[in-house]
Amino acid sequence: MASILFENGVFLEAQSFGAKGVVVGEGVFNTAMSGYEEIISDPSYYGQFVVFSAPEVGVVGVNRQDHESLSCCLGILVRHTPTRYSNFRAQESLGAWLQARGVLGICGVDTRALVGMLRDEGAMQVAISTAPMGKSALEKLLHSTPPLRDMSVIPMVSNKSSPPTQGRYSFEILDYQPAERVQATIGVLDFGVKRAILRQLSAQGLGVRLYAHDSKASALLEDYKRGDIRGVLLSNGPGDPLKLKQAIHQIAQLIEARVPLCGICLGHQLLSLAHGYPTYKLKFGHHGSNHPVLNHATGRIEISAQNHNYCVPESIARIATITHTNLFDGTIEGVAYHNHPILSVQHHPEASPGPSDGSYIFRAFSQLVLENKN
């Protein structure tokens, strides 16, 4: 029997089916109806508990092809998980996979009520014990643990070597830069990049050179001037972008040097900060694969995958064209900067999980890189 305490005092008991332990993190909800494995292994969820609105999670098991990274969320809360799984691609059960990765799995809770609570009151800290624990003990643990917004978590999810031949990126990196198709190589400043982003870059004929989150702009600029890379993508990642002051300073130097840049999610926010426009935190964030986004250039409504707690301000319109807007709450979803070869989006165009409506963003970045005269 697991014990759960939310920051607002809501205390619940449920069942555990994942890893064992006592953990404190931030609770958010996700409205996607599929793709639970990609969601759990998305580095942007590091330090968080994900409450799934889908009532049944785990029915198709898990497989290695759908892993987004070796980093995971802290745990998941679901209404029900089956005792058996069935899919021709499945290699093991969700519960076994969670246990192997140290991720808590909690089932038997009214996730519909929890989603409503987090929507009304906002994302909040949660303490979970997979063994019975009293409310007072969980309260002490909750109050003694710093909130995610005060923590520096990027070092936990960023690549430590370039190029990555072992460790966090032990998957086949050469799959993302086949020699016969590469038109240009770009750098990826890694704040917790997803495999799907690398696959999309490869599909556009872009080779990839990964750089750790704390890489100096001078190193990237040296490679850029030599022609080893012809642009830089700033990846997704977890936590408060305002905490990444050193990265913001380095990105500002790339902007000044007029390097072609593309930002996705956290990368989008960091570009705003590097231009001097502070980000702000949403009440409960955007987490799902069913968010409507208006593309102002085409007038089309695109269905997007989302996973973020922070947004760029409306004032960014002073220096950039707003290219995309979220139709749920009117927040900015994409910009193209004036007089600079820079574009960025708040949602996840790699669509993993989720629809592929935004995949053209990678094609637009590829064109930006290839047209740039270094």
Protein backbone atom coordinates (compact mmCIF):
# COMPACT_ATOMS: atom_id res chain seq x y z
CA MET A 1 0.00 0.00 0.00
CA ALA A 2 1.47 3.35 -1.09
CA SER A 3 0.96 6.67 0.68
CA ILE A 4 0.66 9.97 -1.22
CA LEU A 5 0.64 13.53 0.11
CA PHE A 6 0.13 16.61 -2.05
CA GLU A 7 1.37 20.04 -1.09
CA ASN A 8 -2.21 21.24 -0.51
CA GLY A 9 -2.74 18.58 2.19
CA VAL A 10 -4.59 15.95 0.12
CA PHE A 11 -3.58 12.53 1.47
CA LEU A 12 -4.25 9.31 -0.47
CA GLU A 13 -3.51 5.61 -0.28
CA ALA A 14 -3.03 3.46 -3.38
CA GLN A 15 -1.13 0.48 -4.80
CA SER A 16 2.46 0.36 -6.02
CA PHE A 17 3.48 -1.49 -9.20
CA GLY A 18 6.84 0.12 -10.04
CA ALA A 19 10.05 0.79 -8.14
CA LYS A 20 10.07 1.02 -4.35
CA GLY A 21 11.05 4.05 -2.30
CA VAL A 22 10.12 7.39 -0.78
CA VAL A 23 10.36 10.29 -3.23
CA VAL A 24 9.39 13.98 -3.40
CA GLY A 25 8.82 15.81 -6.69
CA GLU A 26 6.49 18.08 -8.62
CA GLY A 27 3.11 16.73 -9.70
CA VAL A 28 1.80 17.52 -13.20
CA PHE A 29 -0.85 15.94 -15.40
CA ASN A 30 -0.64 14.71 -18.98
CA THR A 31 -3.67 14.45 -21.27
CA ALA A 32 -2.15 12.18 -23.95
CA MET A 33 -4.12 9.03 -24.67
CA SER A 34 -1.09 7.06 -25.89
CA GLY A 35 2.70 7.06 -25.81
CA TYR A 36 3.21 6.48 -22.09
CA GLU A 37 6.69 5.03 -22.60
CA GLU A 38 7.91 8.10 -24.51
CA ILE A 39 6.38 10.37 -21.87
CA ILE A 40 8.00 8.56 -18.95
CA SER A 41 11.44 8.57 -20.63
CA ASP A 42 11.25 12.22 -21.73
CA PRO A 43 14.09 14.04 -19.88
CA SER A 44 11.88 17.13 -19.58
CA TYR A 45 9.89 15.27 -16.90
CA TYR A 46 12.96 14.75 -14.71
CA GLY A 47 12.03 15.60 -11.10
CA GLN A 48 8.29 15.26 -11.71
CA PHE A 49 5.43 12.85 -11.08
CA VAL A 50 3.12 12.46 -14.08
CA VAL A 51 -0.60 11.97 -13.48
CA PHE A 52 -2.05 10.31 -16.59
CA SER A 53 -5.58 11.28 -17.60
CA ALA A 54 -5.78 8.10 -19.72
CA PRO A 55 -7.60 5.57 -17.51
CA GLU A 56 -5.66 2.50 -18.70
CA VAL A 57 -1.85 2.69 -18.86
CA GLY A 58 0.47 -0.23 -19.62
CA VAL A 59 -1.73 -2.37 -21.85
CA VAL A 60 0.83 -2.63 -24.71
CA GLY A 61 3.89 -3.09 -22.48
CA VAL A 62 7.18 -1.40 -23.40
CA ASN A 63 9.92 -1.86 -26.00
CA ARG A 64 13.42 -0.46 -26.53
CA GLN A 65 12.52 1.37 -29.75
CA ASP A 66 10.21 3.79 -27.92
CA HIS A 67 12.75 4.91 -25.28
CA GLU A 68 13.46 8.63 -25.56
CA SER A 69 16.45 8.66 -23.18
CA LEU A 70 17.92 6.98 -20.13
CA SER A 71 16.43 9.75 -17.97
CA CYS A 72 12.91 9.37 -16.60
CA CYS A 73 10.31 11.12 -14.51
CA LEU A 74 10.26 10.28 -10.79
CA GLY A 75 7.04 8.32 -11.02
CA ILE A 76 3.61 7.99 -12.55
CA LEU A 77 0.09 7.92 -11.12
CA VAL A 78 -2.54 5.99 -13.10
CA ARG A 79 -6.13 4.87 -12.60
CA HIS A 80 -5.48 1.28 -13.65
CA THR A 81 -2.68 -0.83 -15.09
CA PRO A 82 -3.34 -4.33 -16.42
CA THR A 83 -1.72 -7.48 -15.04
CA ARG A 84 -1.07 -8.62 -18.62
CA TYR A 85 0.20 -6.71 -21.64
CA SER A 86 -0.21 -7.54 -25.32
CA ASN A 87 1.55 -6.10 -28.38
CA PHE A 88 3.77 -7.63 -31.07
CA ARG A 89 6.49 -5.04 -30.27
CA ALA A 90 6.36 -5.48 -26.49
CA GLN A 91 9.47 -6.77 -24.69
CA GLU A 92 8.41 -6.46 -21.05
CA SER A 93 5.67 -5.11 -18.82
CA LEU A 94 5.42 -1.48 -17.82
CA GLY A 95 5.81 -2.44 -14.16
CA ALA A 96 9.04 -4.38 -14.74
CA TRP A 97 10.42 -1.53 -16.84
CA LEU A 98 9.62 1.02 -14.12
CA GLN A 99 11.30 -1.15 -11.50
CA ALA A 100 14.46 -1.52 -13.61
CA ARG A 101 14.64 2.26 -14.09
CA GLY A 102 13.87 3.23 -10.49
CA VAL A 103 10.60 4.94 -11.40
CA LEU A 104 7.65 4.78 -9.00
CA GLY A 105 4.41 3.41 -10.40
CA ILE A 106 1.21 4.14 -8.46
CA CYS A 107 -2.19 2.80 -9.48
CA GLY A 108 -5.67 2.64 -8.02
CA VAL A 109 -6.10 6.40 -7.64
CA ASP A 110 -8.84 8.65 -9.00
CA THR A 111 -6.71 10.35 -11.63
CA ARG A 112 -9.73 12.24 -12.98
CA ALA A 113 -10.03 14.02 -9.62
CA LEU A 114 -6.25 14.61 -9.43
CA VAL A 115 -6.17 16.16 -12.92
CA GLY A 116 -9.01 18.49 -11.90
CA MET A 117 -7.19 19.42 -8.70
CA LEU A 118 -3.91 20.20 -10.47
CA ARG A 119 -5.78 22.16 -13.14
CA ASP A 120 -7.55 24.29 -10.53
CA GLU A 121 -4.73 24.71 -8.02
CA GLY A 122 -1.68 24.36 -10.25
CA ALA A 123 1.34 22.06 -10.31
CA MET A 124 2.48 21.27 -6.76
CA GLN A 125 4.96 19.25 -4.75
CA VAL A 126 4.08 15.63 -3.97
CA ALA A 127 5.60 13.15 -1.51
CA ILE A 128 5.08 9.44 -2.23
CA SER A 129 6.07 6.38 -0.25
CA THR A 130 5.54 2.93 -1.76
CA ALA A 131 5.23 1.56 1.79
CA PRO A 132 2.58 2.81 4.24
CA MET A 133 3.65 6.11 5.84
CA GLY A 134 1.69 8.51 8.02
CA LYS A 135 0.64 11.94 6.84
CA SER A 136 2.78 13.77 9.40
CA ALA A 137 5.93 11.91 8.32
CA LEU A 138 5.26 12.75 4.67
CA GLU A 139 4.61 16.39 5.63
CA LYS A 140 8.05 16.65 7.22
CA LEU A 141 9.65 15.15 4.13
CA LEU A 142 7.66 17.42 1.82
CA HIS A 143 8.61 20.60 3.68
CA SER A 144 12.28 19.67 3.95
CA THR A 145 12.73 19.01 0.22
CA PRO A 146 13.39 22.00 -2.07
CA PRO A 147 10.85 22.41 -4.90
CA LEU A 148 11.84 21.57 -8.46
CA ARG A 149 11.82 25.26 -9.43
CA ASP A 150 14.73 25.83 -7.02
CA MET A 151 16.84 22.91 -8.22
CA SER A 152 19.43 22.59 -10.99
CA VAL A 153 18.53 19.36 -12.78
CA ILE A 154 20.00 19.83 -16.26
CA PRO A 155 23.33 18.17 -15.30
CA MET A 156 21.34 15.01 -14.54
CA VAL A 157 19.99 14.68 -18.08
CA SER A 158 22.61 16.28 -20.35
CA ASN A 159 25.17 14.36 -22.37
CA LYS A 160 28.64 14.34 -20.78
CA SER A 161 30.76 13.71 -23.86
CA SER A 162 30.95 14.83 -27.49
CA PRO A 163 30.60 12.86 -29.60
CA PRO A 164 28.79 10.43 -27.27
CA THR A 165 30.15 6.95 -27.75
CA GLN A 166 29.16 5.56 -24.39
CA GLY A 167 27.11 6.38 -21.33
CA ARG A 168 23.84 8.26 -21.67
CA TYR A 169 23.78 8.06 -25.48
CA SER A 170 24.80 4.46 -25.89
CA PHE A 171 22.15 4.05 -28.60
CA GLU A 172 23.45 4.06 -32.17
CA ILE A 173 24.36 7.70 -32.71
CA LEU A 174 25.59 6.95 -36.24
CA ASP A 175 22.01 6.16 -37.18
CA TYR A 176 21.41 9.90 -37.04
CA GLN A 177 24.14 10.90 -39.47
CA PRO A 178 24.34 8.42 -42.38
CA ALA A 179 27.24 9.60 -44.56
CA GLU A 180 25.41 9.17 -47.86
CA ARG A 181 22.61 11.54 -46.85
CA VAL A 182 24.26 14.26 -44.77
CA GLN A 183 23.92 17.68 -46.34
CA ALA A 184 25.26 19.53 -43.30
CA THR A 185 26.22 18.80 -39.70
CA ILE A 186 24.76 20.80 -36.84
CA GLY A 187 25.54 21.03 -33.15
CA VAL A 188 22.88 20.07 -30.61
CA LEU A 189 23.30 21.84 -27.28
CA ASP A 190 21.93 19.12 -25.06
CA PHE A 191 19.76 20.07 -22.09
CA GLY A 192 18.04 16.68 -22.17
CA VAL A 193 17.50 15.93 -25.85
CA LYS A 194 15.04 13.26 -26.98
CA ARG A 195 15.99 10.54 -29.46
CA ALA A 196 13.04 11.53 -31.65
CA ILE A 197 14.59 14.97 -32.21
CA LEU A 198 17.80 13.36 -33.45
CA ARG A 199 15.81 11.09 -35.76
CA GLN A 200 13.95 14.07 -37.22
CA LEU A 201 17.19 15.96 -37.81
CA SER A 202 18.63 12.93 -39.57
CA ALA A 203 15.53 12.65 -41.74
CA GLN A 204 16.30 16.16 -43.01
CA GLY A 205 19.84 15.18 -43.95
CA LEU A 206 21.44 16.84 -40.95
CA GLY A 207 24.31 15.15 -39.13
CA VAL A 208 24.49 15.69 -35.38
CA ARG A 209 27.31 16.63 -33.04
CA LEU A 210 26.15 16.70 -29.41
CA TYR A 211 27.46 19.26 -26.94
CA ALA A 212 26.94 19.11 -23.18
CA HIS A 213 24.74 21.77 -21.57
CA ASP A 214 27.75 23.58 -20.08
CA SER A 215 29.71 23.79 -23.34
CA LYS A 216 31.34 27.15 -23.98
CA ALA A 217 30.20 29.27 -26.90
CA SER A 218 33.86 29.60 -27.92
CA ALA A 219 34.04 25.85 -28.58
CA LEU A 220 30.90 25.86 -30.72
CA LEU A 221 32.01 29.00 -32.57
CA GLU A 222 35.39 27.46 -33.32
CA ASP A 223 33.66 24.41 -34.83
CA TYR A 224 31.26 26.70 -36.70
CA LYS A 225 34.04 28.81 -38.22
CA ARG A 226 35.89 25.66 -39.30
CA GLY A 227 32.72 24.40 -40.95
CA ASP A 228 32.44 21.35 -38.70
CA ILE A 229 28.93 22.51 -37.78
CA ARG A 230 26.70 24.92 -39.69
CA GLY A 231 24.08 25.67 -37.06
CA VAL A 232 23.01 24.84 -33.50
CA LEU A 233 19.81 23.37 -32.11
CA LEU A 234 18.98 24.09 -28.47
CA SER A 235 17.17 21.06 -27.09
CA ASN A 236 14.32 20.47 -24.72
CA GLY A 237 15.02 19.87 -21.02
CA PRO A 238 13.59 20.07 -17.48
CA GLY A 239 13.41 22.79 -14.86
CA ASP A 240 13.29 26.57 -14.71
CA PRO A 241 15.16 28.21 -17.62
CA LEU A 242 15.98 31.22 -15.42
CA LYS A 243 18.35 28.97 -13.47
CA LEU A 244 20.57 28.43 -16.53
CA LYS A 245 22.38 31.76 -16.40
CA GLN A 246 25.66 30.42 -17.77
CA ALA A 247 23.93 28.74 -20.71
CA ILE A 248 22.00 31.94 -21.43
CA HIS A 249 25.28 33.88 -21.55
CA GLN A 250 26.79 31.36 -23.99
CA ILE A 251 23.70 31.39 -26.22
CA ALA A 252 23.84 35.18 -26.37
CA GLN A 253 27.31 34.87 -27.90
CA LEU A 254 25.99 32.46 -30.56
CA ILE A 255 23.24 34.97 -31.36
CA GLU A 256 25.77 37.80 -31.68
CA ALA A 257 27.86 35.66 -34.06
CA ARG A 258 24.74 35.12 -36.21
CA VAL A 259 24.92 31.32 -36.02
CA PRO A 260 21.70 29.73 -37.38
CA LEU A 261 19.77 28.61 -34.31
CA CYS A 262 16.66 26.58 -33.57
CA GLY A 263 15.13 26.15 -30.10
CA ILE A 264 12.69 23.48 -28.98
CA CYS A 265 10.77 23.84 -25.70
CA LEU A 266 13.46 24.77 -23.13
CA GLY A 267 15.68 25.87 -26.03
CA HIS A 268 12.87 28.19 -27.16
CA GLN A 269 12.74 29.71 -23.67
CA LEU A 270 16.52 30.10 -23.44
CA LEU A 271 16.58 32.03 -26.72
CA SER A 272 14.05 34.46 -25.27
CA LEU A 273 16.15 34.90 -22.13
CA ALA A 274 19.34 35.36 -24.16
CA HIS A 275 17.60 38.21 -25.98
CA GLY A 276 16.70 39.80 -22.62
CA TYR A 277 13.06 38.72 -22.35
CA PRO A 278 12.35 36.80 -19.09
CA THR A 279 10.17 33.69 -19.08
CA TYR A 280 7.29 33.07 -16.67
CA LYS A 281 5.75 29.96 -15.13
CA LEU A 282 2.33 28.68 -16.12
CA LYS A 283 -0.15 27.60 -13.46
CA PHE A 284 -0.15 23.92 -14.40
CA GLY A 285 1.85 23.85 -17.63
CA HIS A 286 1.10 22.21 -20.95
CA HIS A 287 1.46 18.43 -20.98
CA GLY A 288 -0.20 16.31 -23.65
CA SER A 289 -0.32 15.44 -27.34
CA ASN A 290 -3.62 17.08 -28.23
CA HIS A 291 -3.00 20.85 -27.95
CA PRO A 292 -4.28 22.99 -30.87
CA VAL A 293 -1.74 25.50 -32.18
CA LEU A 294 -2.45 28.17 -34.78
CA ASN A 295 0.19 28.56 -37.49
CA HIS A 296 -0.07 32.25 -38.40
CA ALA A 297 1.74 31.82 -41.73
CA THR A 298 -0.67 29.21 -43.13
CA GLY A 299 -3.79 29.82 -41.01
CA ARG A 300 -3.88 26.09 -40.25
CA ILE A 301 -4.61 24.67 -36.82
CA GLU A 302 -1.97 22.07 -35.96
CA ILE A 303 -2.35 19.49 -33.19
CA SER A 304 0.80 19.48 -31.09
CA ALA A 305 2.65 17.51 -28.44
CA GLN A 306 3.53 19.61 -25.36
CA ASN A 307 5.57 19.26 -22.20
CA HIS A 308 6.56 22.47 -20.42
CA ASN A 309 5.83 24.64 -17.39
CA TYR A 310 7.30 27.93 -18.64
CA CYS A 311 6.51 30.37 -21.45
CA VAL A 312 8.08 33.33 -23.24
CA PRO A 313 6.44 36.77 -22.76
CA GLU A 314 4.22 38.62 -25.25
CA SER A 315 6.79 41.41 -25.30
CA ILE A 316 9.04 39.17 -27.43
CA ALA A 317 7.00 40.53 -30.37
CA ARG A 318 9.24 43.62 -30.24
CA ILE A 319 12.14 41.62 -31.69
CA ALA A 320 10.48 38.57 -33.26
CA THR A 321 7.49 37.57 -35.35
CA ILE A 322 5.07 35.35 -33.45
CA THR A 323 4.59 32.39 -35.76
CA HIS A 324 2.47 30.07 -33.58
CA THR A 325 -0.10 30.56 -30.82
CA ASN A 326 -1.64 28.04 -28.42
CA LEU A 327 -5.42 28.06 -28.87
CA PHE A 328 -6.08 26.78 -25.36
CA ASP A 329 -4.72 29.83 -23.56
CA GLY A 330 -3.25 32.16 -26.18
CA THR A 331 0.37 31.67 -25.10
CA ILE A 332 3.21 31.93 -27.59
CA GLU A 333 4.13 28.66 -29.32
CA GLY A 334 6.67 29.80 -31.89
CA VAL A 335 8.71 32.79 -33.05
CA ALA A 336 11.06 33.82 -35.85
CA TYR A 337 13.55 36.50 -34.80
CA HIS A 338 13.94 39.67 -36.80
CA ASN A 339 17.23 40.12 -38.64
CA HIS A 340 18.67 36.85 -37.31
CA PRO A 341 18.67 33.27 -38.67
CA ILE A 342 16.77 32.01 -35.60
CA LEU A 343 13.47 30.19 -35.18
CA SER A 344 12.03 28.41 -32.17
CA VAL A 345 8.92 26.59 -30.99
CA GLN A 346 7.49 25.87 -27.56
CA HIS A 347 5.81 22.59 -28.51
CA HIS A 348 7.49 19.35 -29.59
CA PRO A 349 7.54 19.05 -33.41
CA GLU A 350 9.25 15.64 -33.19
CA ALA A 351 5.87 14.27 -32.06
CA SER A 352 6.98 11.52 -29.73
CA PRO A 353 4.39 10.78 -28.62
CA GLY A 354 1.80 12.71 -30.52
CA PRO A 355 0.81 13.95 -33.97
CA SER A 356 3.33 14.89 -36.66
CA ASP A 357 1.73 18.19 -37.71
CA GLY A 358 4.79 20.18 -36.64
CA SER A 359 7.53 18.07 -38.22
CA TYR A 360 8.04 20.73 -40.93
CA ILE A 361 9.90 22.78 -38.27
CA PHE A 362 12.94 20.54 -38.81
CA ARG A 363 12.72 21.11 -42.56
CA ALA A 364 12.56 24.86 -41.99
CA PHE A 365 15.65 24.71 -39.78
CA SER A 366 17.46 22.59 -42.35
CA GLN A 367 16.73 25.21 -45.03
CA LEU A 368 17.91 27.96 -42.67
CA VAL A 369 21.20 26.12 -42.16
CA LEU A 370 21.77 25.27 -45.82
CA GLU A 371 20.96 28.80 -47.03
CA ASN A 372 23.23 30.47 -44.50
CA LYS A 373 26.59 31.63 -45.82
CA ASN A 374 29.15 30.77 -43.15
